[in-house]
Amino acid sequence: MYSPEFGSLHLQHNSFYYSFILNIDITIYEKHSMK
């Protein structure tokens, strides 16, 4: 069972999760660069 609604919802969640991880990576990178 695969519905388009679930697919788009999953895609939205993935992009949000990915950007969240990216933001954390950038924050850590900036903190290391400050030293």
N, C-alpha and C. Protein backbone atom coordinates (compact mmCIF):
# COMPACT_ATOMS: atom_id res chain seq x y z
N MET A 1 0.86 -1.21 0.00
CA MET A 1 0.00 0.00 0.00
C MET A 1 0.89 1.25 0.00
N TYR A 2 0.79 2.01 -1.07
CA TYR A 2 1.58 3.25 -1.14
C TYR A 2 0.69 4.35 -1.70
N SER A 3 0.50 5.40 -0.94
CA SER A 3 -0.36 6.50 -1.39
C SER A 3 0.47 7.75 -1.65
N PRO A 4 0.13 8.56 -2.65
CA PRO A 4 0.87 9.79 -2.97
C PRO A 4 0.93 10.74 -1.78
N GLU A 5 -0.16 10.77 -0.99
CA GLU A 5 -0.17 11.69 0.16
C GLU A 5 0.97 11.33 1.12
N PHE A 6 1.13 10.03 1.37
CA PHE A 6 2.20 9.57 2.27
C PHE A 6 3.57 9.90 1.68
N GLY A 7 3.68 9.76 0.35
CA GLY A 7 4.96 10.03 -0.31
C GLY A 7 5.38 11.48 -0.13
N SER A 8 4.46 12.40 -0.39
CA SER A 8 4.81 13.82 -0.28
C SER A 8 5.10 14.16 1.17
N LEU A 9 4.36 13.58 2.09
CA LEU A 9 4.57 13.84 3.51
C LEU A 9 5.97 13.36 3.91
N HIS A 10 6.33 12.16 3.44
CA HIS A 10 7.65 11.60 3.75
C HIS A 10 8.76 12.48 3.19
N LEU A 11 8.53 13.00 1.96
CA LEU A 11 9.52 13.86 1.31
C LEU A 11 9.71 15.15 2.12
N GLN A 12 8.59 15.73 2.55
CA GLN A 12 8.67 16.95 3.36
C GLN A 12 9.46 16.69 4.63
N HIS A 13 9.18 15.58 5.30
CA HIS A 13 9.86 15.23 6.55
C HIS A 13 11.35 15.06 6.29
N ASN A 14 11.70 14.40 5.18
CA ASN A 14 13.11 14.16 4.87
C ASN A 14 13.84 15.47 4.63
N SER A 15 13.24 16.38 3.86
CA SER A 15 13.91 17.65 3.56
C SER A 15 14.07 18.46 4.85
N PHE A 16 13.07 18.42 5.74
CA PHE A 16 13.17 19.13 7.01
C PHE A 16 14.28 18.55 7.86
N TYR A 17 14.33 17.22 7.93
CA TYR A 17 15.36 16.53 8.72
C TYR A 17 16.74 16.82 8.16
N TYR A 18 16.84 16.81 6.81
CA TYR A 18 18.14 17.05 6.16
C TYR A 18 18.64 18.46 6.46
N SER A 19 17.75 19.45 6.33
CA SER A 19 18.14 20.84 6.57
C SER A 19 18.49 21.02 8.05
N PHE A 20 17.79 20.29 8.93
CA PHE A 20 18.08 20.37 10.37
C PHE A 20 19.50 19.87 10.65
N ILE A 21 19.86 18.72 10.04
CA ILE A 21 21.20 18.17 10.22
C ILE A 21 22.24 19.12 9.63
N LEU A 22 21.92 19.69 8.47
CA LEU A 22 22.85 20.62 7.82
C LEU A 22 23.10 21.82 8.72
N ASN A 23 22.04 22.35 9.33
CA ASN A 23 22.19 23.51 10.21
C ASN A 23 23.11 23.19 11.38
N ILE A 24 22.96 21.99 11.95
CA ILE A 24 23.81 21.59 13.08
C ILE A 24 25.26 21.49 12.61
N ASP A 25 25.47 20.89 11.42
CA ASP A 25 26.82 20.75 10.88
C ASP A 25 27.47 22.12 10.69
N ILE A 26 26.72 23.07 10.14
CA ILE A 26 27.25 24.42 9.89
C ILE A 26 27.58 25.09 11.23
N THR A 27 26.72 24.91 12.23
CA THR A 27 26.96 25.53 13.53
C THR A 27 28.25 24.98 14.15
N ILE A 28 28.43 23.67 14.09
CA ILE A 28 29.64 23.04 14.65
C ILE A 28 30.86 23.52 13.88
N TYR A 29 30.74 23.58 12.55
CA TYR A 29 31.87 24.02 11.71
C TYR A 29 32.26 25.45 12.07
N GLU A 30 31.26 26.31 12.26
CA GLU A 30 31.55 27.71 12.59
C GLU A 30 32.23 27.81 13.95
N LYS A 31 31.77 27.00 14.91
CA LYS A 31 32.37 27.04 16.25
C LYS A 31 33.83 26.61 16.18
N HIS A 32 34.13 25.61 15.36
CA HIS A 32 35.52 25.15 15.22
C HIS A 32 36.37 26.21 14.52
N SER A 33 35.76 26.94 13.58
CA SER A 33 36.50 27.96 12.84
C SER A 33 36.83 29.14 13.74
N MET A 34 35.97 29.39 14.74
CA MET A 34 36.18 30.53 15.64
C MET A 34 37.44 30.34 16.46
N LYS A 35 37.74 29.09 16.81
CA LYS A 35 38.91 28.83 17.67
C LYS A 35 40.20 29.31 17.00
